[in-house]
């Protein structure tokens, strides 16, 4: 269930965010929701390994933007990419 949220931000930031959102084909609400989700959906503290430890920090910023299938295998995708790139 969606709930309305009112935020107070600097006007310049809002305008830049609107431009960015439009350029990426997303809404401001989606961007904010994805950001909040990335903050609250941390791996279980009992787990010693960060689920995203092997992902570049710049790419971590994209978490939540791209929807992948539940059975997506990052290791296989990397392997396939390198095979194609280097002709292995």
N, C-alpha and C. Protein backbone atom coordinates (compact mmCIF):
# COMPACT_ATOMS: atom_id res chain seq x y z
N UNK A 1 0.83 -1.18 0.00
CA UNK A 1 0.00 0.00 0.00
C UNK A 1 0.88 1.24 0.00
N UNK A 2 0.63 2.14 -0.89
CA UNK A 2 1.39 3.38 -0.95
C UNK A 2 0.80 4.40 0.01
N UNK A 3 1.69 5.18 0.61
CA UNK A 3 1.30 6.24 1.52
C UNK A 3 1.98 7.52 1.08
N UNK A 4 1.26 8.62 1.14
CA UNK A 4 1.81 9.91 0.73
C UNK A 4 2.82 10.40 1.76
N UNK A 5 3.91 11.01 1.28
CA UNK A 5 4.96 11.55 2.14
C UNK A 5 5.29 12.96 1.66
N UNK A 6 5.36 13.89 2.57
CA UNK A 6 5.71 15.27 2.22
C UNK A 6 7.13 15.54 2.71
N UNK A 7 7.98 16.03 1.80
CA UNK A 7 9.36 16.35 2.14
C UNK A 7 9.61 17.83 1.88
N UNK A 8 10.49 18.41 2.65
CA UNK A 8 10.91 19.80 2.43
C UNK A 8 12.37 19.78 1.99
N UNK A 9 12.60 20.19 0.73
CA UNK A 9 13.93 20.19 0.16
C UNK A 9 14.19 21.54 -0.51
N UNK A 10 15.45 21.82 -0.76
CA UNK A 10 15.79 23.04 -1.47
C UNK A 10 15.22 22.98 -2.89
N UNK A 11 14.67 24.08 -3.35
CA UNK A 11 14.02 24.15 -4.66
C UNK A 11 14.98 23.70 -5.77
N UNK A 12 16.23 24.13 -5.72
CA UNK A 12 17.21 23.79 -6.75
C UNK A 12 17.42 22.28 -6.83
N UNK A 13 17.46 21.63 -5.68
CA UNK A 13 17.64 20.17 -5.64
C UNK A 13 16.44 19.48 -6.27
N UNK A 14 15.25 19.97 -5.95
CA UNK A 14 14.03 19.37 -6.50
C UNK A 14 14.03 19.49 -8.02
N UNK A 15 14.37 20.65 -8.54
CA UNK A 15 14.38 20.86 -9.99
C UNK A 15 15.41 19.95 -10.66
N UNK A 16 16.59 19.85 -10.09
CA UNK A 16 17.62 18.97 -10.65
C UNK A 16 17.18 17.51 -10.58
N UNK A 17 16.55 17.13 -9.49
CA UNK A 17 16.07 15.76 -9.33
C UNK A 17 14.99 15.43 -10.35
N UNK A 18 14.10 16.40 -10.64
CA UNK A 18 13.06 16.20 -11.64
C UNK A 18 13.67 15.97 -13.02
N UNK A 19 14.67 16.77 -13.35
CA UNK A 19 15.36 16.62 -14.64
C UNK A 19 16.03 15.26 -14.72
N UNK A 20 16.72 14.89 -13.64
CA UNK A 20 17.40 13.59 -13.61
C UNK A 20 16.37 12.45 -13.75
N UNK A 21 15.29 12.53 -13.00
CA UNK A 21 14.27 11.48 -13.04
C UNK A 21 13.69 11.36 -14.45
N UNK A 22 13.38 12.47 -15.06
CA UNK A 22 12.82 12.45 -16.42
C UNK A 22 13.82 11.83 -17.40
N UNK A 23 15.09 12.18 -17.24
CA UNK A 23 16.13 11.64 -18.12
C UNK A 23 16.34 10.15 -17.97
N UNK A 24 16.01 9.61 -16.80
CA UNK A 24 16.19 8.18 -16.56
C UNK A 24 14.87 7.42 -16.66
N UNK A 25 13.79 8.13 -16.99
CA UNK A 25 12.51 7.47 -17.17
C UNK A 25 11.87 7.00 -15.88
N UNK A 26 12.17 7.69 -14.79
CA UNK A 26 11.60 7.31 -13.49
C UNK A 26 10.89 8.51 -12.87
N UNK A 27 10.13 8.24 -11.85
CA UNK A 27 9.48 9.32 -11.11
C UNK A 27 10.31 9.66 -9.88
N UNK A 28 10.09 10.85 -9.34
CA UNK A 28 10.77 11.22 -8.10
C UNK A 28 10.38 10.26 -6.98
N UNK A 29 9.14 9.88 -6.93
CA UNK A 29 8.69 8.94 -5.90
C UNK A 29 9.45 7.63 -5.99
N UNK A 30 9.64 7.13 -7.20
CA UNK A 30 10.39 5.88 -7.38
C UNK A 30 11.83 6.03 -6.93
N UNK A 31 12.44 7.16 -7.26
CA UNK A 31 13.82 7.40 -6.86
C UNK A 31 13.95 7.45 -5.34
N UNK A 32 13.04 8.17 -4.69
CA UNK A 32 13.09 8.29 -3.23
C UNK A 32 12.82 6.93 -2.58
N UNK A 33 11.84 6.21 -3.10
CA UNK A 33 11.53 4.89 -2.55
C UNK A 33 12.72 3.95 -2.67
N UNK A 34 13.38 3.95 -3.83
CA UNK A 34 14.55 3.09 -4.03
C UNK A 34 15.69 3.48 -3.09
N UNK A 35 15.86 4.77 -2.87
CA UNK A 35 16.90 5.23 -1.95
C UNK A 35 16.59 4.77 -0.53
N UNK A 36 15.36 4.99 -0.09
CA UNK A 36 14.98 4.55 1.26
C UNK A 36 15.12 3.04 1.40
N UNK A 37 14.71 2.31 0.35
CA UNK A 37 14.83 0.85 0.39
C UNK A 37 16.29 0.43 0.54
N UNK A 38 17.19 1.12 -0.16
CA UNK A 38 18.61 0.76 -0.05
C UNK A 38 19.14 1.01 1.35
N UNK A 39 18.54 1.95 2.08
CA UNK A 39 18.97 2.23 3.45
C UNK A 39 18.46 1.19 4.44
N UNK A 40 17.22 0.78 4.27
CA UNK A 40 16.60 -0.09 5.27
C UNK A 40 16.73 -1.58 4.98
N UNK A 41 16.99 -1.95 3.76
CA UNK A 41 17.10 -3.37 3.42
C UNK A 41 18.54 -3.81 3.39
N UNK A 42 19.21 -3.61 4.50
CA UNK A 42 20.61 -4.05 4.63
C UNK A 42 20.61 -5.55 4.87
N UNK A 43 21.72 -6.23 4.53
CA UNK A 43 21.80 -7.66 4.83
C UNK A 43 21.67 -7.89 6.34
N UNK A 44 21.20 -9.05 6.70
CA UNK A 44 21.04 -9.43 8.10
C UNK A 44 22.36 -9.25 8.84
N UNK A 45 22.31 -8.62 10.01
CA UNK A 45 23.53 -8.37 10.78
C UNK A 45 24.22 -9.66 11.19
N UNK A 46 23.47 -10.75 11.24
CA UNK A 46 24.07 -12.04 11.60
C UNK A 46 24.90 -12.62 10.47
N UNK A 47 24.66 -12.13 9.26
CA UNK A 47 25.45 -12.58 8.11
C UNK A 47 26.78 -11.85 8.13
N UNK A 48 27.86 -12.57 7.95
CA UNK A 48 29.19 -11.96 7.96
C UNK A 48 29.54 -11.36 6.61
N UNK A 49 28.84 -11.76 5.56
CA UNK A 49 29.18 -11.31 4.22
C UNK A 49 28.16 -10.31 3.70
N UNK A 50 28.66 -9.20 3.18
CA UNK A 50 27.79 -8.21 2.53
C UNK A 50 27.35 -8.81 1.20
N UNK A 51 26.06 -8.85 0.97
CA UNK A 51 25.52 -9.43 -0.26
C UNK A 51 26.11 -8.77 -1.51
N UNK A 52 26.46 -7.50 -1.39
CA UNK A 52 26.97 -6.75 -2.53
C UNK A 52 28.46 -6.42 -2.39
N UNK A 53 29.19 -7.17 -1.60
CA UNK A 53 30.59 -6.86 -1.32
C UNK A 53 31.45 -6.85 -2.58
N UNK A 54 31.13 -7.68 -3.56
CA UNK A 54 31.96 -7.77 -4.76
C UNK A 54 31.52 -6.80 -5.86
N UNK A 55 30.60 -5.90 -5.54
CA UNK A 55 30.12 -4.93 -6.53
C UNK A 55 30.77 -3.58 -6.27
N UNK A 56 31.23 -2.95 -7.34
CA UNK A 56 31.85 -1.64 -7.27
C UNK A 56 30.91 -0.64 -6.58
N UNK A 57 31.45 0.23 -5.70
CA UNK A 57 30.61 1.19 -4.99
C UNK A 57 29.76 2.08 -5.92
N UNK A 58 30.31 2.42 -7.08
CA UNK A 58 29.54 3.24 -8.03
C UNK A 58 28.32 2.47 -8.53
N UNK A 59 28.47 1.16 -8.73
CA UNK A 59 27.34 0.35 -9.19
C UNK A 59 26.33 0.13 -8.08
N UNK A 60 26.78 0.12 -6.82
CA UNK A 60 25.86 -0.06 -5.71
C UNK A 60 24.80 1.03 -5.69
N UNK A 61 25.15 2.20 -6.22
CA UNK A 61 24.19 3.30 -6.25
C UNK A 61 23.00 2.97 -7.15
N UNK A 62 23.17 2.02 -8.04
CA UNK A 62 22.10 1.66 -8.97
C UNK A 62 21.15 0.61 -8.40
N UNK A 63 21.47 0.10 -7.22
CA UNK A 63 20.63 -0.94 -6.63
C UNK A 63 19.21 -0.41 -6.47
N UNK A 64 18.28 -1.17 -6.98
CA UNK A 64 16.88 -0.76 -6.91
C UNK A 64 16.39 -0.11 -8.18
N UNK A 65 17.30 0.35 -9.01
CA UNK A 65 16.90 1.01 -10.26
C UNK A 65 16.61 -0.03 -11.32
N UNK A 66 17.46 -1.03 -11.41
CA UNK A 66 17.32 -2.07 -12.42
C UNK A 66 16.68 -3.29 -11.77
N UNK A 67 15.64 -3.77 -12.37
CA UNK A 67 14.95 -4.95 -11.84
C UNK A 67 15.47 -6.18 -12.58
N UNK A 68 16.06 -7.12 -11.84
CA UNK A 68 16.58 -8.36 -12.41
C UNK A 68 15.70 -9.52 -11.96
N UNK A 69 15.70 -10.60 -12.74
CA UNK A 69 14.92 -11.77 -12.34
C UNK A 69 15.46 -12.33 -11.02
N UNK A 70 14.60 -12.99 -10.27
CA UNK A 70 15.00 -13.57 -8.98
C UNK A 70 16.11 -14.60 -9.14
N UNK A 71 16.15 -15.27 -10.30
CA UNK A 71 17.16 -16.31 -10.50
C UNK A 71 18.41 -15.78 -11.21
N UNK A 72 18.59 -14.44 -11.27
CA UNK A 72 19.75 -13.86 -11.94
C UNK A 72 21.02 -14.25 -11.19
N UNK A 73 22.02 -14.75 -11.93
CA UNK A 73 23.29 -15.19 -11.34
C UNK A 73 24.39 -14.22 -11.77
N UNK A 74 24.81 -13.35 -10.86
CA UNK A 74 25.81 -12.33 -11.17
C UNK A 74 27.15 -12.96 -11.57
N UNK A 75 27.52 -14.05 -10.91
CA UNK A 75 28.79 -14.71 -11.24
C UNK A 75 28.76 -15.26 -12.66
N UNK A 76 27.64 -15.86 -13.05
CA UNK A 76 27.53 -16.39 -14.41
C UNK A 76 27.52 -15.25 -15.42
N UNK A 77 26.83 -14.17 -15.09
CA UNK A 77 26.79 -13.01 -16.00
C UNK A 77 28.19 -12.44 -16.22
N UNK A 78 28.96 -12.33 -15.14
CA UNK A 78 30.34 -11.84 -15.27
C UNK A 78 31.17 -12.80 -16.11
N UNK A 79 31.03 -14.08 -15.83
CA UNK A 79 31.78 -15.09 -16.58
C UNK A 79 31.45 -15.02 -18.07
N UNK A 80 30.17 -14.95 -18.40
CA UNK A 80 29.75 -14.84 -19.80
C UNK A 80 30.30 -13.58 -20.45
N UNK A 81 30.26 -12.48 -19.71
CA UNK A 81 30.77 -11.20 -20.22
C UNK A 81 32.26 -11.31 -20.56
N UNK A 82 33.03 -11.85 -19.62
CA UNK A 82 34.48 -11.96 -19.86
C UNK A 82 34.80 -12.94 -20.98
N UNK A 83 34.03 -14.01 -21.09
CA UNK A 83 34.22 -14.95 -22.18
C UNK A 83 34.03 -14.26 -23.52
N UNK A 84 32.97 -13.47 -23.61
CA UNK A 84 32.69 -12.77 -24.85
C UNK A 84 33.72 -11.68 -25.12
N UNK A 85 34.07 -10.93 -24.09
CA UNK A 85 35.00 -9.82 -24.24
C UNK A 85 36.39 -10.29 -24.65
N UNK A 86 36.87 -11.34 -23.99
CA UNK A 86 38.24 -11.79 -24.23
C UNK A 86 38.34 -13.04 -25.10
N UNK A 87 37.21 -13.53 -25.59
CA UNK A 87 37.22 -14.68 -26.48
C UNK A 87 37.71 -15.94 -25.81
N UNK A 88 37.40 -16.09 -24.55
CA UNK A 88 37.86 -17.27 -23.78
C UNK A 88 36.94 -18.43 -24.07
